[in-house]
PDB file of N, CA and C in Angstrom:
ATOM      1  N   MET A   1     -51.855 -90.108 -16.786  1.00  0.00           N
ATOM      2  CA  MET A   1     -51.300 -89.680 -15.561  1.00  0.00           C
ATOM      3  C   MET A   1     -52.116 -90.196 -14.513  1.00  0.00           C
ATOM      4  N   LYS A   2     -51.472 -91.007 -13.610  1.00  0.00           N
ATOM      5  CA  LYS A   2     -52.152 -91.563 -12.502  1.00  0.00           C
ATOM      6  C   LYS A   2     -52.386 -90.432 -11.507  1.00  0.00           C
ATOM      7  N   ASN A   3     -53.207 -90.754 -10.447  1.00  0.00           N
ATOM      8  CA  ASN A   3     -53.430 -89.769  -9.362  1.00  0.00           C
ATOM      9  C   ASN A   3     -52.299 -89.164  -8.853  1.00  0.00           C
ATOM     10  N   ASN A   4     -52.280 -87.806  -8.795  1.00  0.00           N
ATOM     11  CA  ASN A   4     -51.253 -86.943  -8.208  1.00  0.00           C
ATOM     12  C   ASN A   4     -51.708 -86.611  -6.774  1.00  0.00           C
ATOM     13  N   ASN A   5     -50.918 -86.882  -5.827  1.00  0.00           N
ATOM     14  CA  ASN A   5     -51.288 -86.476  -4.463  1.00  0.00           C
ATOM     15  C   ASN A   5     -52.232 -87.519  -3.946  1.00  0.00           C
ATOM     16  N   TYR A   6     -51.896 -88.768  -4.235  1.00  0.00           N
ATOM     17  CA  TYR A   6     -52.848 -90.028  -3.835  1.00  0.00           C
ATOM     18  C   TYR A   6     -53.113 -90.057  -2.343  1.00  0.00           C
ATOM     19  N   ASP A   7     -54.424 -90.216  -2.045  1.00  0.00           N
ATOM     20  CA  ASP A   7     -54.879 -90.520  -0.669  1.00  0.00           C
ATOM     21  C   ASP A   7     -55.354 -91.930  -0.721  1.00  0.00           C
ATOM     22  N   LYS A   8     -54.706 -92.770   0.048  1.00  0.00           N
ATOM     23  CA  LYS A   8     -55.081 -94.193   0.041  1.00  0.00           C
ATOM     24  C   LYS A   8     -56.372 -94.647   0.678  1.00  0.00           C
ATOM     25  N   ASP A   9     -57.019 -93.620   1.352  1.00  0.00           N
ATOM     26  CA  ASP A   9     -58.464 -93.901   1.831  1.00  0.00           C
ATOM     27  C   ASP A   9     -59.543 -93.231   1.012  1.00  0.00           C
ATOM     28  N   CYS A  10     -59.173 -92.602  -0.137  1.00  0.00           N
ATOM     29  CA  CYS A  10     -60.106 -91.875  -1.017  1.00  0.00           C
ATOM     30  C   CYS A  10     -60.643 -93.001  -2.193  1.00  0.00           C
ATOM     31  N   ILE A  11     -61.779 -93.154  -2.211  1.00  0.00           N
ATOM     32  CA  ILE A  11     -62.443 -93.932  -3.248  1.00  0.00           C
ATOM     33  C   ILE A  11     -62.192 -93.394  -4.638  1.00  0.00           C
ATOM     34  N   PHE A  12     -62.196 -92.040  -4.866  1.00  0.00           N
ATOM     35  CA  PHE A  12     -61.907 -91.474  -6.212  1.00  0.00           C
ATOM     36  C   PHE A  12     -60.523 -91.686  -6.619  1.00  0.00           C
ATOM     37  N   CYS A  13     -59.634 -91.555  -5.631  1.00  0.00           N
ATOM     38  CA  CYS A  13     -58.103 -91.861  -5.775  1.00  0.00           C
ATOM     39  C   CYS A  13     -57.989 -93.365  -6.355  1.00  0.00           C
ATOM     40  N   LYS A  14     -58.697 -94.143  -5.754  1.00  0.00           N
ATOM     41  CA  LYS A  14     -58.645 -95.653  -6.203  1.00  0.00           C
ATOM     42  C   LYS A  14     -59.138 -95.890  -7.469  1.00  0.00           C
ATOM     43  N   ILE A  15     -60.240 -95.168  -7.830  1.00  0.00           N
ATOM     44  CA  ILE A  15     -60.866 -95.281  -9.127  1.00  0.00           C
ATOM     45  C   ILE A  15     -59.881 -94.805 -10.225  1.00  0.00           C
ATOM     46  N   ILE A  16     -59.418 -93.631  -9.923  1.00  0.00           N
ATOM     47  CA  ILE A  16     -58.511 -92.939 -10.882  1.00  0.00           C
ATOM     48  C   ILE A  16     -57.299 -93.811 -11.084  1.00  0.00           C
ATOM     49  N   ASN A  17     -56.686 -94.547 -10.077  1.00  0.00           N
ATOM     50  CA  ASN A  17     -55.650 -95.301 -10.127  1.00  0.00           C
ATOM     51  C   ASN A  17     -55.896 -96.747 -10.703  1.00  0.00           C
ATOM     52  N   GLY A  18     -57.166 -97.074 -11.090  1.00  0.00           N
ATOM     53  CA  GLY A  18     -57.534 -98.333 -11.526  1.00  0.00           C
ATOM     54  C   GLY A  18     -57.663 -99.539 -10.535  1.00  0.00           C
ATOM     55  N   GLU A  19     -57.722 -99.137  -9.188  1.00  0.00           N
ATOM     56  CA  GLU A  19     -57.698-100.040  -8.068  1.00  0.00           C
ATOM     57  C   GLU A  19     -59.272-100.546  -7.858  1.00  0.00           C
ATOM     58  N   ILE A  20     -60.150 -99.621  -8.384  1.00  0.00           N
ATOM     59  CA  ILE A  20     -61.543 -99.878  -8.307  1.00  0.00           C
ATOM     60  C   ILE A  20     -61.989 -99.609  -9.822  1.00  0.00           C
ATOM     61  N   PRO A  21     -62.596-100.823 -10.356  1.00  0.00           N
ATOM     62  CA  PRO A  21     -63.107-100.664 -11.801  1.00  0.00           C
ATOM     63  C   PRO A  21     -64.018 -99.486 -12.066  1.00  0.00           C
ATOM     64  N   SER A  22     -63.969 -98.753 -13.017  1.00  0.00           N
ATOM     65  CA  SER A  22     -64.904 -97.915 -13.622  1.00  0.00           C
ATOM     66  C   SER A  22     -64.843 -97.587 -15.022  1.00  0.00           C
ATOM     67  N   LYS A  23     -65.866 -97.279 -15.661  1.00  0.00           N
ATOM     68  CA  LYS A  23     -65.900 -96.969 -17.020  1.00  0.00           C
ATOM     69  C   LYS A  23     -65.867 -95.467 -17.171  1.00  0.00           C
ATOM     70  N   PHE A  24     -64.821 -94.939 -17.699  1.00  0.00           N
ATOM     71  CA  PHE A  24     -64.620 -93.426 -17.913  1.00  0.00           C
ATOM     72  C   PHE A  24     -65.370 -93.038 -19.153  1.00  0.00           C
ATOM     73  N   ILE A  25     -66.284 -92.114 -19.003  1.00  0.00           N
ATOM     74  CA  ILE A  25     -66.836 -91.549 -20.198  1.00  0.00           C
ATOM     75  C   ILE A  25     -65.973 -90.591 -20.958  1.00  0.00           C
ATOM     76  N   LYS A  26     -65.102 -89.936 -20.177  1.00  0.00           N
ATOM     77  CA  LYS A  26     -64.035 -89.119 -20.722  1.00  0.00           C
ATOM     78  C   LYS A  26     -62.860 -89.166 -19.672  1.00  0.00           C
ATOM     79  N   GLU A  27     -61.696 -89.084 -20.268  1.00  0.00           N
ATOM     80  CA  GLU A  27     -60.452 -88.978 -19.618  1.00  0.00           C
ATOM     81  C   GLU A  27     -59.530 -88.083 -20.298  1.00  0.00           C
ATOM     82  N   ASN A  28     -58.876 -87.161 -19.575  1.00  0.00           N
ATOM     83  CA  ASN A  28     -57.901 -86.386 -20.212  1.00  0.00           C
ATOM     84  C   ASN A  28     -56.725 -86.196 -19.272  1.00  0.00           C
ATOM     85  N   GLU A  29     -55.707 -85.446 -19.417  1.00  0.00           N
ATOM     86  CA  GLU A  29     -54.589 -85.409 -18.507  1.00  0.00           C
ATOM     87  C   GLU A  29     -54.863 -84.986 -17.187  1.00  0.00           C
ATOM     88  N   TYR A  30     -55.930 -84.227 -16.893  1.00  0.00           N
ATOM     89  CA  TYR A  30     -56.213 -83.706 -15.673  1.00  0.00           C
ATOM     90  C   TYR A  30     -57.478 -84.284 -14.865  1.00  0.00           C
ATOM     91  N   CYS A  31     -58.365 -84.720 -15.656  1.00  0.00           N
ATOM     92  CA  CYS A  31     -59.712 -85.145 -14.931  1.00  0.00           C
ATOM     93  C   CYS A  31     -60.154 -86.556 -15.551  1.00  0.00           C
ATOM     94  N   VAL A  32     -61.089 -87.145 -14.860  1.00  0.00           N
ATOM     95  CA  VAL A  32     -61.814 -88.240 -15.406  1.00  0.00           C
ATOM     96  C   VAL A  32     -63.263 -87.969 -15.240  1.00  0.00           C
ATOM     97  N   VAL A  33     -64.066 -88.561 -16.066  1.00  0.00           N
ATOM     98  CA  VAL A  33     -65.571 -88.488 -15.928  1.00  0.00           C
ATOM     99  C   VAL A  33     -66.281 -89.712 -16.056  1.00  0.00           C
ATOM    100  N   PHE A  34     -67.175 -89.965 -15.037  1.00  0.00           N
ATOM    101  CA  PHE A  34     -67.773 -91.425 -14.999  1.00  0.00           C
ATOM    102  C   PHE A  34     -69.275 -91.075 -14.447  1.00  0.00           C
ATOM    103  N   ALA A  35     -70.085 -92.124 -14.558  1.00  0.00           N
ATOM    104  CA  ALA A  35     -71.502 -91.995 -14.165  1.00  0.00           C
ATOM    105  C   ALA A  35     -71.689 -92.164 -12.775  1.00  0.00           C
ATOM    106  N   ASP A  36     -72.509 -91.407 -11.981  1.00  0.00           N
ATOM    107  CA  ASP A  36     -72.628 -91.552 -10.629  1.00  0.00           C
ATOM    108  C   ASP A  36     -73.418 -93.031 -10.419  1.00  0.00           C
ATOM    109  N   LEU A  37     -72.931 -93.615  -9.351  1.00  0.00           N
ATOM    110  CA  LEU A  37     -73.622 -94.978  -9.117  1.00  0.00           C
ATOM    111  C   LEU A  37     -75.060 -94.836  -8.599  1.00  0.00           C
ATOM    112  N   HIS A  38     -75.384 -93.760  -8.195  1.00  0.00           N
ATOM    113  CA  HIS A  38     -76.778 -93.474  -7.516  1.00  0.00           C
ATOM    114  C   HIS A  38     -77.342 -92.215  -8.333  1.00  0.00           C
ATOM    115  N   PRO A  39     -77.658 -92.344  -9.588  1.00  0.00           N
ATOM    116  CA  PRO A  39     -78.134 -91.092 -10.235  1.00  0.00           C
ATOM    117  C   PRO A  39     -79.217 -90.430  -9.732  1.00  0.00           C
ATOM    118  N   LYS A  40     -79.240 -89.041  -9.667  1.00  0.00           N
ATOM    119  CA  LYS A  40     -80.391 -88.181  -9.350  1.00  0.00           C
ATOM    120  C   LYS A  40     -81.098 -87.630 -10.535  1.00  0.00           C
ATOM    121  N   ALA A  41     -80.641 -87.984 -11.680  1.00  0.00           N
ATOM    122  CA  ALA A  41     -81.295 -87.482 -12.995  1.00  0.00           C
ATOM    123  C   ALA A  41     -80.966 -88.486 -14.012  1.00  0.00           C
ATOM    124  N   LYS A  42     -81.761 -88.280 -15.215  1.00  0.00           N
ATOM    125  CA  LYS A  42     -81.371 -89.158 -16.274  1.00  0.00           C
ATOM    126  C   LYS A  42     -79.965 -89.312 -16.660  1.00  0.00           C
ATOM    127  N   VAL A  43     -79.361 -88.086 -16.716  1.00  0.00           N
ATOM    128  CA  VAL A  43     -77.894 -88.139 -16.857  1.00  0.00           C
ATOM    129  C   VAL A  43     -77.200 -87.525 -15.549  1.00  0.00           C
ATOM    130  N   HIS A  44     -76.323 -88.248 -15.007  1.00  0.00           N
ATOM    131  CA  HIS A  44     -75.747 -87.834 -13.712  1.00  0.00           C
ATOM    132  C   HIS A  44     -74.272 -88.243 -13.742  1.00  0.00           C
ATOM    133  N   LEU A  45     -73.405 -87.414 -14.114  1.00  0.00           N
ATOM    134  CA  LEU A  45     -71.987 -87.550 -14.392  1.00  0.00           C
ATOM    135  C   LEU A  45     -71.183 -86.929 -13.356  1.00  0.00           C
ATOM    136  N   LEU A  46     -70.006 -87.470 -12.934  1.00  0.00           N
ATOM    137  CA  LEU A  46     -69.152 -86.925 -11.973  1.00  0.00           C
ATOM    138  C   LEU A  46     -67.794 -86.593 -12.739  1.00  0.00           C
ATOM    139  N   VAL A  47     -67.355 -85.313 -12.556  1.00  0.00           N
ATOM    140  CA  VAL A  47     -66.219 -84.822 -13.084  1.00  0.00           C
ATOM    141  C   VAL A  47     -65.165 -84.662 -11.977  1.00  0.00           C
ATOM    142  N   VAL A  48     -64.041 -85.504 -12.016  1.00  0.00           N
ATOM    143  CA  VAL A  48     -63.110 -85.620 -10.837  1.00  0.00           C
ATOM    144  C   VAL A  48     -61.667 -85.351 -11.309  1.00  0.00           C
ATOM    145  N   PRO A  49     -60.998 -84.268 -10.703  1.00  0.00           N
ATOM    146  CA  PRO A  49     -59.630 -84.193 -11.054  1.00  0.00           C
ATOM    147  C   PRO A  49     -58.765 -85.247 -10.616  1.00  0.00           C
ATOM    148  N   LYS A  50     -57.770 -85.438 -11.408  1.00  0.00           N
ATOM    149  CA  LYS A  50     -56.812 -86.640 -11.017  1.00  0.00           C
ATOM    150  C   LYS A  50     -55.945 -86.225  -9.881  1.00  0.00           C
ATOM    151  N   LYS A  51     -55.757 -85.067  -9.549  1.00  0.00           N
ATOM    152  CA  LYS A  51     -55.018 -84.567  -8.422  1.00  0.00           C
ATOM    153  C   LYS A  51     -55.957 -84.462  -7.297  1.00  0.00           C
ATOM    154  N   HIS A  52     -55.572 -85.115  -6.117  1.00  0.00           N
ATOM    155  CA  HIS A  52     -56.395 -85.115  -4.863  1.00  0.00           C
ATOM    156  C   HIS A  52     -56.399 -83.764  -4.211  1.00  0.00           C
ATOM    157  N   PHE A  53     -57.627 -83.157  -4.134  1.00  0.00           N
ATOM    158  CA  PHE A  53     -57.925 -81.962  -3.338  1.00  0.00           C
ATOM    159  C   PHE A  53     -59.103 -82.254  -2.442  1.00  0.00           C
ATOM    160  N   LYS A  54     -59.049 -81.996  -1.175  1.00  0.00           N
ATOM    161  CA  LYS A  54     -60.286 -82.328  -0.370  1.00  0.00           C
ATOM    162  C   LYS A  54     -61.456 -81.694  -0.732  1.00  0.00           C
ATOM    163  N   ASP A  55     -61.468 -80.497  -1.150  1.00  0.00           N
ATOM    164  CA  ASP A  55     -62.761 -79.774  -1.450  1.00  0.00           C
ATOM    165  C   ASP A  55     -62.399 -78.614  -2.537  1.00  0.00           C
ATOM    166  N   ILE A  56     -63.242 -77.931  -2.832  1.00  0.00           N
ATOM    167  CA  ILE A  56     -63.048 -76.738  -3.813  1.00  0.00           C
ATOM    168  C   ILE A  56     -62.196 -75.661  -3.116  1.00  0.00           C
ATOM    169  N   MET A  57     -62.389 -75.582  -1.920  1.00  0.00           N
ATOM    170  CA  MET A  57     -61.495 -74.462  -1.130  1.00  0.00           C
ATOM    171  C   MET A  57     -59.997 -74.802  -1.254  1.00  0.00           C
ATOM    172  N   GLU A  58     -59.650 -76.018  -1.330  1.00  0.00           N
ATOM    173  CA  GLU A  58     -58.251 -76.572  -1.385  1.00  0.00           C
ATOM    174  C   GLU A  58     -57.769 -76.567  -2.816  1.00  0.00           C
ATOM    175  N   THR A  59     -58.692 -76.475  -3.895  1.00  0.00           N
ATOM    176  CA  THR A  59     -58.371 -76.757  -5.226  1.00  0.00           C
ATOM    177  C   THR A  59     -57.767 -75.316  -5.835  1.00  0.00           C
ATOM    178  N   ASP A  60     -56.605 -75.524  -6.539  1.00  0.00           N
ATOM    179  CA  ASP A  60     -56.000 -74.262  -7.061  1.00  0.00           C
ATOM    180  C   ASP A  60     -56.681 -73.850  -8.366  1.00  0.00           C
ATOM    181  N   GLU A  61     -56.403 -72.566  -8.726  1.00  0.00           N
ATOM    182  CA  GLU A  61     -57.065 -72.041 -10.068  1.00  0.00           C
ATOM    183  C   GLU A  61     -56.712 -72.792 -11.164  1.00  0.00           C
ATOM    184  N   PHE A  62     -55.649 -73.404 -11.366  1.00  0.00           N
ATOM    185  CA  PHE A  62     -55.280 -74.123 -12.551  1.00  0.00           C
ATOM    186  C   PHE A  62     -56.270 -75.265 -12.713  1.00  0.00           C
ATOM    187  N   TYR A  63     -56.352 -75.981 -11.640  1.00  0.00           N
ATOM    188  CA  TYR A  63     -57.299 -77.268 -11.638  1.00  0.00           C
ATOM    189  C   TYR A  63     -58.780 -76.852 -11.761  1.00  0.00           C
ATOM    190  N   ILE A  64     -59.111 -75.748 -11.182  1.00  0.00           N
ATOM    191  CA  ILE A  64     -60.580 -75.299 -11.277  1.00  0.00           C
ATOM    192  C   ILE A  64     -60.815 -74.995 -12.860  1.00  0.00           C
ATOM    193  N   ASN A  65     -59.801 -74.315 -13.513  1.00  0.00           N
ATOM    194  CA  ASN A  65     -60.136 -74.244 -14.999  1.00  0.00           C
ATOM    195  C   ASN A  65     -60.039 -75.473 -15.705  1.00  0.00           C
ATOM    196  N   LYS A  66     -59.101 -76.393 -15.408  1.00  0.00           N
ATOM    197  CA  LYS A  66     -59.163 -77.762 -16.046  1.00  0.00           C
ATOM    198  C   LYS A  66     -60.424 -78.523 -15.887  1.00  0.00           C
ATOM    199  N   ILE A  67     -61.027 -78.364 -14.700  1.00  0.00           N
ATOM    200  CA  ILE A  67     -62.340 -79.098 -14.395  1.00  0.00           C
ATOM    201  C   ILE A  67     -63.418 -78.426 -15.235  1.00  0.00           C
ATOM    202  N   PHE A  68     -63.396 -77.152 -15.291  1.00  0.00           N
ATOM    203  CA  PHE A  68     -64.549 -76.525 -16.054  1.00  0.00           C
ATOM    204  C   PHE A  68     -64.395 -76.635 -17.588  1.00  0.00           C
ATOM    205  N   GLU A  69     -63.115 -76.758 -18.022  1.00  0.00           N
ATOM    206  CA  GLU A  69     -62.922 -76.954 -19.443  1.00  0.00           C
ATOM    207  C   GLU A  69     -63.408 -78.430 -19.772  1.00  0.00           C
ATOM    208  N   THR A  70     -63.248 -79.344 -18.788  1.00  0.00           N
ATOM    209  CA  THR A  70     -63.689 -80.716 -18.960  1.00  0.00           C
ATOM    210  C   THR A  70     -65.205 -80.838 -18.997  1.00  0.00           C
ATOM    211  N   ILE A  71     -65.786 -80.118 -17.969  1.00  0.00           N
ATOM    212  CA  ILE A  71     -67.284 -79.903 -17.989  1.00  0.00           C
ATOM    213  C   ILE A  71     -67.785 -79.597 -19.472  1.00  0.00           C
ATOM    214  N   LYS A  72     -67.295 -78.447 -19.826  1.00  0.00           N
ATOM    215  CA  LYS A  72     -67.777 -78.028 -21.148  1.00  0.00           C
ATOM    216  C   LYS A  72     -67.520 -78.997 -22.330  1.00  0.00           C
ATOM    217  N   GLU A  73     -66.403 -79.580 -22.275  1.00  0.00           N
ATOM    218  CA  GLU A  73     -66.172 -80.570 -23.385  1.00  0.00           C
ATOM    219  C   GLU A  73     -67.086 -81.764 -23.293  1.00  0.00           C
ATOM    220  N   VAL A  74     -67.271 -82.527 -22.175  1.00  0.00           N
ATOM    221  CA  VAL A  74     -68.080 -83.569 -21.940  1.00  0.00           C
ATOM    222  C   VAL A  74     -69.554 -83.305 -22.126  1.00  0.00           C
ATOM    223  N   SER A  75     -69.982 -82.107 -21.685  1.00  0.00           N
ATOM    224  CA  SER A  75     -71.365 -81.527 -22.059  1.00  0.00           C
ATOM    225  C   SER A  75     -71.695 -81.521 -23.397  1.00  0.00           C
ATOM    226  N   LYS A  76     -70.637 -81.011 -24.277  1.00  0.00           N
ATOM    227  CA  LYS A  76     -70.873 -81.012 -25.831  1.00  0.00           C
ATOM    228  C   LYS A  76     -70.950 -82.372 -26.400  1.00  0.00           C
ATOM    229  N   GLU A  77     -69.859 -83.292 -25.894  1.00  0.00           N
ATOM    230  CA  GLU A  77     -69.704 -84.686 -26.396  1.00  0.00           C
ATOM    231  C   GLU A  77     -71.001 -85.496 -26.131  1.00  0.00           C
ATOM    232  N   GLN A  78     -71.601 -85.199 -24.958  1.00  0.00           N
ATOM    233  CA  GLN A  78     -72.760 -85.870 -24.704  1.00  0.00           C
ATOM    234  C   GLN A  78     -74.136 -85.216 -25.242  1.00  0.00           C
ATOM    235  N   ASN A  79     -73.930 -84.236 -25.882  1.00  0.00           N
ATOM    236  CA  ASN A  79     -75.104 -83.529 -26.489  1.00  0.00           C
ATOM    237  C   ASN A  79     -76.092 -83.099 -25.432  1.00  0.00           C
ATOM    238  N   LEU A  80     -75.628 -82.446 -24.245  1.00  0.00           N
ATOM    239  CA  LEU A  80     -76.450 -81.940 -23.243  1.00  0.00           C
ATOM    240  C   LEU A  80     -76.895 -80.536 -23.530  1.00  0.00           C
ATOM    241  N   SER A  81     -78.060 -80.294 -23.852  1.00  0.00           N
ATOM    242  CA  SER A  81     -78.535 -78.985 -24.281  1.00  0.00           C
ATOM    243  C   SER A  81     -78.751 -78.111 -23.118  1.00  0.00           C
ATOM    244  N   SER A  82     -79.182 -78.775 -21.955  1.00  0.00           N
ATOM    245  CA  SER A  82     -79.308 -77.949 -20.716  1.00  0.00           C
ATOM    246  C   SER A  82     -78.916 -79.045 -19.605  1.00  0.00           C
ATOM    247  N   PHE A  83     -78.244 -78.460 -18.564  1.00  0.00           N
ATOM    248  CA  PHE A  83     -77.660 -79.216 -17.464  1.00  0.00           C
ATOM    249  C   PHE A  83     -77.494 -78.339 -16.267  1.00  0.00           C
ATOM    250  N   ARG A  84     -77.275 -79.042 -15.037  1.00  0.00           N
ATOM    251  CA  ARG A  84     -76.918 -78.427 -13.942  1.00  0.00           C
ATOM    252  C   ARG A  84     -75.587 -78.878 -13.435  1.00  0.00           C
ATOM    253  N   ILE A  85     -74.868 -77.964 -12.821  1.00  0.00           N
ATOM    254  CA  ILE A  85     -73.570 -78.262 -12.350  1.00  0.00           C
ATOM    255  C   ILE A  85     -73.565 -78.092 -10.794  1.00  0.00           C
ATOM    256  N   ILE A  86     -73.230 -79.196 -10.053  1.00  0.00           N
ATOM    257  CA  ILE A  86     -73.169 -79.021  -8.574  1.00  0.00           C
ATOM    258  C   ILE A  86     -71.878 -79.421  -8.027  1.00  0.00           C
ATOM    259  N   ASN A  87     -71.496 -78.659  -6.873  1.00  0.00           N
ATOM    260  CA  ASN A  87     -70.300 -78.987  -6.265  1.00  0.00           C
ATOM    261  C   ASN A  87     -70.733 -78.800  -4.658  1.00  0.00           C
ATOM    262  N   ASN A  88     -70.720 -79.821  -3.961  1.00  0.00           N
ATOM    263  CA  ASN A  88     -70.782 -79.798  -2.584  1.00  0.00           C
ATOM    264  C   ASN A  88     -69.525 -79.593  -1.664  1.00  0.00           C
ATOM    265  N   CYS A  89     -69.415 -78.596  -0.912  1.00  0.00           N
ATOM    266  CA  CYS A  89     -68.128 -78.320  -0.355  1.00  0.00           C
ATOM    267  C   CYS A  89     -68.436 -78.419   1.326  1.00  0.00           C
ATOM    268  N   GLY A  90     -67.935 -79.494   1.767  1.00  0.00           N
ATOM    269  CA  GLY A  90     -68.012 -79.768   3.348  1.00  0.00           C
ATOM    270  C   GLY A  90     -69.177 -80.757   3.628  1.00  0.00           C
ATOM    271  N   LYS A  91     -69.019 -81.496   4.627  1.00  0.00           N
ATOM    272  CA  LYS A  91     -69.983 -82.411   5.175  1.00  0.00           C
ATOM    273  C   LYS A  91     -71.411 -81.691   5.315  1.00  0.00           C
ATOM    274  N   GLY A  92     -71.361 -80.632   5.926  1.00  0.00           N
ATOM    275  CA  GLY A  92     -72.763 -79.761   6.108  1.00  0.00           C
ATOM    276  C   GLY A  92     -73.410 -79.491   4.895  1.00  0.00           C
ATOM    277  N   ALA A  93     -72.656 -79.403   3.666  1.00  0.00           N
ATOM    278  CA  ALA A  93     -73.242 -79.137   2.479  1.00  0.00           C
ATOM    279  C   ALA A  93     -73.624 -80.503   1.616  1.00  0.00           C
ATOM    280  N   GLY A  94     -73.499 -81.621   2.254  1.00  0.00           N
ATOM    281  CA  GLY A  94     -73.566 -82.788   1.537  1.00  0.00           C
ATOM    282  C   GLY A  94     -72.490 -83.554   0.804  1.00  0.00           C
ATOM    283  N   GLN A  95     -71.247 -82.938   0.983  1.00  0.00           N
ATOM    284  CA  GLN A  95     -70.065 -83.645   0.455  1.00  0.00           C
ATOM    285  C   GLN A  95     -69.899 -84.951   1.182  1.00  0.00           C
ATOM    286  N   SER A  96     -69.852 -86.154   0.448  1.00  0.00           N
ATOM    287  CA  SER A  96     -69.769 -87.274   1.043  1.00  0.00           C
ATOM    288  C   SER A  96     -68.294 -88.096   0.747  1.00  0.00           C
ATOM    289  N   VAL A  97     -67.720 -87.693  -0.440  1.00  0.00           N
ATOM    290  CA  VAL A  97     -66.466 -88.082  -0.850  1.00  0.00           C
ATOM    291  C   VAL A  97     -65.529 -87.006  -0.781  1.00  0.00           C
ATOM    292  N   PHE A  98     -64.491 -86.809   0.048  1.00  0.00           N
ATOM    293  CA  PHE A  98     -63.627 -85.691   0.171  1.00  0.00           C
ATOM    294  C   PHE A  98     -62.435 -85.694  -0.767  1.00  0.00           C
ATOM    295  N   HIS A  99     -62.883 -85.622  -2.011  1.00  0.00           N
ATOM    296  CA  HIS A  99     -61.981 -85.477  -3.169  1.00  0.00           C
ATOM    297  C   HIS A  99     -62.874 -84.618  -4.014  1.00  0.00           C
ATOM    298  N   VAL A 100     -62.454 -83.395  -4.273  1.00  0.00           N
ATOM    299  CA  VAL A 100     -63.347 -82.361  -5.022  1.00  0.00           C
ATOM    300  C   VAL A 100     -63.756 -82.961  -6.299  1.00  0.00           C
ATOM    301  N   HIS A 101     -65.094 -82.746  -6.515  1.00  0.00           N
ATOM    302  CA  HIS A 101     -65.772 -83.299  -7.788  1.00  0.00           C
ATOM    303  C   HIS A 101     -66.974 -82.396  -8.009  1.00  0.00           C
ATOM    304  N   PHE A 102     -67.291 -82.526  -9.348  1.00  0.00           N
ATOM    305  CA  PHE A 102     -68.561 -81.767  -9.779  1.00  0.00           C
ATOM    306  C   PHE A 102     -69.531 -82.682 -10.485  1.00  0.00           C
ATOM    307  N   HIS A 103     -70.827 -82.487 -10.125  1.00  0.00           N
ATOM    308  CA  HIS A 103     -71.890 -83.308 -10.731  1.00  0.00           C
ATOM    309  C   HIS A 103     -72.553 -82.625 -11.876  1.00  0.00           C
ATOM    310  N   ILE A 104     -72.634 -83.319 -12.979  1.00  0.00           N
ATOM    311  CA  ILE A 104     -73.372 -82.823 -14.094  1.00  0.00           C
ATOM    312  C   ILE A 104     -74.760 -83.518 -14.056  1.00  0.00           C
ATOM    313  N   LEU A 105     -75.772 -82.773 -14.028  1.00  0.00           N
ATOM    314  CA  LEU A 105     -77.081 -83.519 -13.968  1.00  0.00           C
ATOM    315  C   LEU A 105     -77.885 -82.839 -15.297  1.00  0.00           C
ATOM    316  N   SER A 106     -78.530 -83.870 -15.978  1.00  0.00           N
ATOM    317  CA  SER A 106     -79.310 -83.461 -17.182  1.00  0.00           C
ATOM    318  C   SER A 106     -80.511 -84.356 -17.317  1.00  0.00           C
ATOM    319  N   GLY A 107     -81.558 -83.940 -17.914  1.00  0.00           N
ATOM    320  CA  GLY A 107     -82.738 -84.726 -18.174  1.00  0.00           C
ATOM    321  C   GLY A 107     -83.922 -83.812 -18.108  1.00  0.00           C
ATOM    322  N   ASP A 108     -84.977 -84.327 -18.390  1.00  0.00           N
ATOM    323  CA  ASP A 108     -86.221 -83.507 -18.341  1.00  0.00           C
ATOM    324  C   ASP A 108     -86.716 -83.191 -16.965  1.00  0.00           C
ATOM    325  N   ASN A 109     -87.070 -81.974 -16.984  1.00  0.00           N
ATOM    326  CA  ASN A 109     -87.601 -81.499 -15.633  1.00  0.00           C
ATOM    327  C   ASN A 109     -86.807 -81.732 -14.397  1.00  0.00           C
ATOM    328  N   LEU A 110     -85.665 -81.261 -14.303  1.00  0.00           N
ATOM    329  CA  LEU A 110     -84.851 -81.374 -13.111  1.00  0.00           C
ATOM    330  C   LEU A 110     -85.538 -80.699 -12.085  1.00  0.00           C
ATOM    331  N   LYS A 111     -85.613 -81.379 -10.738  1.00  0.00           N
ATOM    332  CA  LYS A 111     -86.285 -80.828  -9.636  1.00  0.00           C
ATOM    333  C   LYS A 111     -85.368 -79.824  -9.044  1.00  0.00           C
ATOM    334  N   GLU A 112     -86.070 -78.867  -8.340  1.00  0.00           N
ATOM    335  CA  GLU A 112     -85.204 -77.769  -7.649  1.00  0.00           C
ATOM    336  C   GLU A 112     -84.401 -78.233  -6.633  1.00  0.00           C
TER     337      GLU A 112
END
């Protein structure tokens, strides 16, 4: 399934649609997972729904559930015994790509 609710100015929509090359670590009907270009930990993955939502406040319950199912699946598949999940909502909170996404960070001694 290509991006549902495509935003022509969104880098994640372009990645999902194959306009910008990326190696997906996981892809299912609802989400894609790929490595962050500027990792903040040994493992730094992005979980991005295929449907465009600006932020978590815009995201419906169905997609929230699908995102978290994907987080659980990829964490098991990558053998992550401990990890941190981060979502930035809004510019003031550090959101820089306005397509809802979650960061999975894992590695020794994650900083606060």
